[in-house]
Amino acid sequence: MVGRGGRSQQFGGTGPYELTDETPVYVISVAAQLSGLHPQTLRQYDRMGLVSPDRTPGRGRRYSARDIELLRQVQQLSQDEGINLAGIKRIIELENQVAALQARAAELQQAVEGAAVAMRHREAQVHASYRRDLVPYEDVQQSSALVVWRPGRRGR
């Protein structure tokens, strides 16, 4: 994941002691062992923006479980698929874009569904407000008779 941006907590998940896939806990030597890469390779990937771990206040790198998985993906794409690092960076960027667009589409879908519910509710309110003392109009057969209307002459 290229540049995770602003996390709300330096080293936290949802609570002070809860670990998630995003929680940065592994130092570079442990991350290197878990990913099967050399620590210098991890530093290079960080400089290139391929896998950017969080930093401690002392600027030490801290990798999350998701970072380790991404390191493994980069290695697999590089060695097994023969994709160069610039291509891998672009793939990661595009995957992040797709994920962001999917999340936005889900948000918009929820907004549309909410608007539809509100519209149906408002429609039901309008229908409930109809006057019940009115009689429905029934169309009578058309005729060619001429009717003269004279105002003010009633009841004769």
C-alpha atoms as a PDB file:
ATOM      1  CA  MET A   1       0.000   0.000   0.000  1.00  0.00           C
ATOM      2  CA  VAL A   2       1.537   3.169  -1.139  1.00  0.00           C
ATOM      3  CA  GLY A   3       1.383   5.827   1.551  1.00  0.00           C
ATOM      4  CA  ARG A   4      -1.294   4.898   4.024  1.00  0.00           C
ATOM      5  CA  GLY A   5      -1.838   8.509   4.929  1.00  0.00           C
ATOM      6  CA  GLY A   6      -3.074   9.747   8.252  1.00  0.00           C
ATOM      7  CA  ARG A   7      -3.836   7.190  10.867  1.00  0.00           C
ATOM      8  CA  SER A   8      -5.606   8.477  13.902  1.00  0.00           C
ATOM      9  CA  GLN A   9      -3.286   6.669  16.320  1.00  0.00           C
ATOM     10  CA  GLN A  10       0.427   6.085  16.017  1.00  0.00           C
ATOM     11  CA  PHE A  11       0.298   2.468  17.181  1.00  0.00           C
ATOM     12  CA  GLY A  12      -3.300   1.593  17.672  1.00  0.00           C
ATOM     13  CA  GLY A  13      -6.156  -0.383  16.337  1.00  0.00           C
ATOM     14  CA  THR A  14      -9.597   0.221  17.710  1.00  0.00           C
ATOM     15  CA  GLY A  15      -8.491   0.217  21.368  1.00  0.00           C
ATOM     16  CA  PRO A  16      -5.235   0.631  23.278  1.00  0.00           C
ATOM     17  CA  TYR A  17      -4.496  -3.120  23.418  1.00  0.00           C
ATOM     18  CA  GLU A  18      -6.336  -4.437  20.377  1.00  0.00           C
ATOM     19  CA  LEU A  19      -4.294  -5.634  17.430  1.00  0.00           C
ATOM     20  CA  THR A  20      -5.571  -5.542  13.864  1.00  0.00           C
ATOM     21  CA  ASP A  21      -3.974  -6.274  10.507  1.00  0.00           C
ATOM     22  CA  GLU A  22      -3.163  -2.563  10.339  1.00  0.00           C
ATOM     23  CA  THR A  23      -1.444  -2.354  13.735  1.00  0.00           C
ATOM     24  CA  PRO A  24       2.268  -1.654  13.220  1.00  0.00           C
ATOM     25  CA  VAL A  25       4.097  -4.002  15.586  1.00  0.00           C
ATOM     26  CA  TYR A  26       7.041  -5.632  13.771  1.00  0.00           C
ATOM     27  CA  VAL A  27      10.513  -4.105  13.681  1.00  0.00           C
ATOM     28  CA  ILE A  28      12.361  -4.335  10.381  1.00  0.00           C
ATOM     29  CA  SER A  29      14.368  -7.451  11.328  1.00  0.00           C
ATOM     30  CA  VAL A  30      11.218  -9.397  12.260  1.00  0.00           C
ATOM     31  CA  ALA A  31       9.371  -8.124   9.172  1.00  0.00           C
ATOM     32  CA  ALA A  32      12.298  -9.263   7.031  1.00  0.00           C
ATOM     33  CA  GLN A  33      12.171 -12.736   8.556  1.00  0.00           C
ATOM     34  CA  LEU A  34       8.403 -13.012   8.209  1.00  0.00           C
ATOM     35  CA  SER A  35       8.458 -11.874   4.582  1.00  0.00           C
ATOM     36  CA  GLY A  36      11.567 -13.832   3.610  1.00  0.00           C
ATOM     37  CA  LEU A  37      13.375 -10.701   2.442  1.00  0.00           C
ATOM     38  CA  HIS A  38      16.561  -8.958   3.497  1.00  0.00           C
ATOM     39  CA  PRO A  39      16.143  -5.855   5.697  1.00  0.00           C
ATOM     40  CA  GLN A  40      17.935  -3.790   3.058  1.00  0.00           C
ATOM     41  CA  THR A  41      15.285  -4.851   0.533  1.00  0.00           C
ATOM     42  CA  LEU A  42      12.581  -3.605   2.907  1.00  0.00           C
ATOM     43  CA  ARG A  43      14.386  -0.265   3.191  1.00  0.00           C
ATOM     44  CA  GLN A  44      14.575  -0.045  -0.606  1.00  0.00           C
ATOM     45  CA  TYR A  45      10.862  -0.824  -0.954  1.00  0.00           C
ATOM     46  CA  ASP A  46      10.131   1.902   1.615  1.00  0.00           C
ATOM     47  CA  ARG A  47      12.262   4.469  -0.280  1.00  0.00           C
ATOM     48  CA  MET A  48      10.469   3.569  -3.523  1.00  0.00           C
ATOM     49  CA  GLY A  49       7.045   3.840  -1.883  1.00  0.00           C
ATOM     50  CA  LEU A  50       6.126   0.206  -2.485  1.00  0.00           C
ATOM     51  CA  VAL A  51       5.573  -0.695   1.160  1.00  0.00           C
ATOM     52  CA  SER A  52       5.643   2.261   3.546  1.00  0.00           C
ATOM     53  CA  PRO A  53       5.518   1.169   7.183  1.00  0.00           C
ATOM     54  CA  ASP A  54       4.537   3.429  10.039  1.00  0.00           C
ATOM     55  CA  ARG A  55       7.275   5.155  11.998  1.00  0.00           C
ATOM     56  CA  THR A  56       7.956   5.419  15.700  1.00  0.00           C
ATOM     57  CA  PRO A  57       8.677   8.835  17.196  1.00  0.00           C
ATOM     58  CA  GLY A  58      12.382   7.900  16.851  1.00  0.00           C
ATOM     59  CA  ARG A  59      11.791   7.249  13.090  1.00  0.00           C
ATOM     60  CA  GLY A  60      12.134   3.456  13.391  1.00  0.00           C
ATOM     61  CA  ARG A  61      10.034   1.427  10.991  1.00  0.00           C
ATOM     62  CA  ARG A  62       7.128  -0.632  12.330  1.00  0.00           C
ATOM     63  CA  TYR A  63       5.441  -3.093   9.987  1.00  0.00           C
ATOM     64  CA  SER A  64       1.891  -4.419  10.292  1.00  0.00           C
ATOM     65  CA  ALA A  65       0.575  -7.842   9.289  1.00  0.00           C
ATOM     66  CA  ARG A  66      -0.873  -6.191   6.175  1.00  0.00           C
ATOM     67  CA  ASP A  67       2.572  -4.760   5.344  1.00  0.00           C
ATOM     68  CA  ILE A  68       4.095  -8.255   5.646  1.00  0.00           C
ATOM     69  CA  GLU A  69       1.468  -9.633   3.262  1.00  0.00           C
ATOM     70  CA  LEU A  70       2.175  -6.803   0.829  1.00  0.00           C
ATOM     71  CA  LEU A  71       5.924  -7.514   1.005  1.00  0.00           C
ATOM     72  CA  ARG A  72       5.178 -11.131   0.094  1.00  0.00           C
ATOM     73  CA  GLN A  73       3.010  -9.977  -2.819  1.00  0.00           C
ATOM     74  CA  VAL A  74       5.757  -7.684  -4.099  1.00  0.00           C
ATOM     75  CA  GLN A  75       8.264 -10.525  -3.898  1.00  0.00           C
ATOM     76  CA  GLN A  76       5.895 -12.913  -5.706  1.00  0.00           C
ATOM     77  CA  LEU A  77       5.165 -10.419  -8.485  1.00  0.00           C
ATOM     78  CA  SER A  78       8.841  -9.653  -8.892  1.00  0.00           C
ATOM     79  CA  GLN A  79      10.261 -13.169  -8.830  1.00  0.00           C
ATOM     80  CA  ASP A  80       7.435 -15.367 -10.112  1.00  0.00           C
ATOM     81  CA  GLU A  81       5.792 -12.987 -12.572  1.00  0.00           C
ATOM     82  CA  GLY A  82       8.893 -11.073 -13.657  1.00  0.00           C
ATOM     83  CA  ILE A  83       7.333  -7.641 -13.093  1.00  0.00           C
ATOM     84  CA  ASN A  84       9.767  -4.840 -12.361  1.00  0.00           C
ATOM     85  CA  LEU A  85       9.406  -2.702  -9.239  1.00  0.00           C
ATOM     86  CA  ALA A  86       7.958   0.290 -11.106  1.00  0.00           C
ATOM     87  CA  GLY A  87       5.256  -1.991 -12.532  1.00  0.00           C
ATOM     88  CA  ILE A  88       4.572  -3.448  -9.100  1.00  0.00           C
ATOM     89  CA  LYS A  89       4.233   0.051  -7.657  1.00  0.00           C
ATOM     90  CA  ARG A  90       1.687   0.900 -10.349  1.00  0.00           C
ATOM     91  CA  ILE A  91      -0.238  -2.329  -9.684  1.00  0.00           C
ATOM     92  CA  ILE A  92      -0.393  -1.505  -5.973  1.00  0.00           C
ATOM     93  CA  GLU A  93      -1.547   2.047  -6.711  1.00  0.00           C
ATOM     94  CA  LEU A  94      -4.275   0.768  -9.035  1.00  0.00           C
ATOM     95  CA  GLU A  95      -5.411  -1.835  -6.493  1.00  0.00           C
ATOM     96  CA  ASN A  96      -5.641   0.919  -3.868  1.00  0.00           C
ATOM     97  CA  GLN A  97      -7.652   3.065  -6.299  1.00  0.00           C
ATOM     98  CA  VAL A  98     -10.024   0.190  -7.018  1.00  0.00           C
ATOM     99  CA  ALA A  99     -10.516  -0.432  -3.293  1.00  0.00           C
ATOM    100  CA  ALA A 100     -11.196   3.271  -2.687  1.00  0.00           C
ATOM    101  CA  LEU A 101     -13.670   3.396  -5.583  1.00  0.00           C
ATOM    102  CA  GLN A 102     -15.438   0.277  -4.348  1.00  0.00           C
ATOM    103  CA  ALA A 103     -15.768   1.811  -0.898  1.00  0.00           C
ATOM    104  CA  ARG A 104     -17.106   5.048  -2.420  1.00  0.00           C
ATOM    105  CA  ALA A 105     -19.574   3.100  -4.591  1.00  0.00           C
ATOM    106  CA  ALA A 106     -20.826   1.286  -1.484  1.00  0.00           C
ATOM    107  CA  GLU A 107     -21.260   4.638   0.304  1.00  0.00           C
ATOM    108  CA  LEU A 108     -23.183   6.050  -2.644  1.00  0.00           C
ATOM    109  CA  GLN A 109     -25.338   2.922  -2.859  1.00  0.00           C
ATOM    110  CA  GLN A 110     -26.248   3.319   0.806  1.00  0.00           C
ATOM    111  CA  ALA A 111     -27.058   6.998   0.216  1.00  0.00           C
ATOM    112  CA  VAL A 112     -29.307   6.121  -2.735  1.00  0.00           C
ATOM    113  CA  GLU A 113     -31.084   3.436  -0.720  1.00  0.00           C
ATOM    114  CA  GLY A 114     -31.563   5.903   2.134  1.00  0.00           C
ATOM    115  CA  ALA A 115     -32.966   8.520  -0.230  1.00  0.00           C
ATOM    116  CA  ALA A 116     -35.342   5.948  -1.730  1.00  0.00           C
ATOM    117  CA  VAL A 117     -36.626   5.000   1.731  1.00  0.00           C
ATOM    118  CA  ALA A 118     -37.105   8.681   2.595  1.00  0.00           C
ATOM    119  CA  MET A 119     -38.919   9.267  -0.694  1.00  0.00           C
ATOM    120  CA  ARG A 120     -41.276   6.317  -0.093  1.00  0.00           C
ATOM    121  CA  HIS A 121     -41.930   7.576   3.429  1.00  0.00           C
ATOM    122  CA  ARG A 122     -42.713  11.076   2.155  1.00  0.00           C
ATOM    123  CA  GLU A 123     -44.917   9.628  -0.594  1.00  0.00           C
ATOM    124  CA  ALA A 124     -46.857   7.659   2.008  1.00  0.00           C
ATOM    125  CA  GLN A 125     -47.281  10.854   4.056  1.00  0.00           C
ATOM    126  CA  VAL A 126     -48.653  12.677   1.015  1.00  0.00           C
ATOM    127  CA  HIS A 127     -51.084   9.859   0.243  1.00  0.00           C
ATOM    128  CA  ALA A 128     -52.201   9.798   3.880  1.00  0.00           C
ATOM    129  CA  SER A 129     -52.949  13.516   3.723  1.00  0.00           C
ATOM    130  CA  TYR A 130     -55.514  13.167   0.920  1.00  0.00           C
ATOM    131  CA  ARG A 131     -59.007  14.369   1.764  1.00  0.00           C
ATOM    132  CA  ARG A 132     -61.327  11.422   2.193  1.00  0.00           C
ATOM    133  CA  ASP A 133     -64.568  13.390   1.797  1.00  0.00           C
ATOM    134  CA  LEU A 134     -64.041  13.971  -1.900  1.00  0.00           C
ATOM    135  CA  VAL A 135     -65.700  11.687  -4.411  1.00  0.00           C
ATOM    136  CA  PRO A 136     -63.598  10.401  -7.275  1.00  0.00           C
ATOM    137  CA  TYR A 137     -64.427  12.003 -10.585  1.00  0.00           C
ATOM    138  CA  GLU A 138     -65.957   9.699 -13.143  1.00  0.00           C
ATOM    139  CA  ASP A 139     -65.843  10.737 -16.763  1.00  0.00           C
ATOM    140  CA  VAL A 140     -69.283  10.861 -18.366  1.00  0.00           C
ATOM    141  CA  GLN A 141     -69.892  10.088 -21.988  1.00  0.00           C
ATOM    142  CA  GLN A 142     -69.078  12.892 -24.312  1.00  0.00           C
ATOM    143  CA  SER A 143     -71.940  14.570 -26.057  1.00  0.00           C
ATOM    144  CA  SER A 144     -72.187  17.354 -28.536  1.00  0.00           C
ATOM    145  CA  ALA A 145     -74.853  19.206 -26.548  1.00  0.00           C
ATOM    146  CA  LEU A 146     -74.325  22.853 -25.967  1.00  0.00           C
ATOM    147  CA  VAL A 147     -74.864  24.137 -22.444  1.00  0.00           C
ATOM    148  CA  VAL A 148     -75.341  27.823 -21.819  1.00  0.00           C
ATOM    149  CA  TRP A 149     -74.131  29.089 -18.543  1.00  0.00           C
ATOM    150  CA  ARG A 150     -75.529  32.253 -17.104  1.00  0.00           C
ATOM    151  CA  PRO A 151     -74.026  33.515 -13.906  1.00  0.00           C
ATOM    152  CA  GLY A 152     -76.262  34.630 -11.093  1.00  0.00           C
ATOM    153  CA  ARG A 153     -79.366  32.754 -12.140  1.00  0.00           C
ATOM    154  CA  ARG A 154     -79.851  29.974  -9.698  1.00  0.00           C
ATOM    155  CA  GLY A 155     -82.766  27.887  -8.694  1.00  0.00           C
ATOM    156  CA  ARG A 156     -85.341  28.940 -11.286  1.00  0.00           C
END
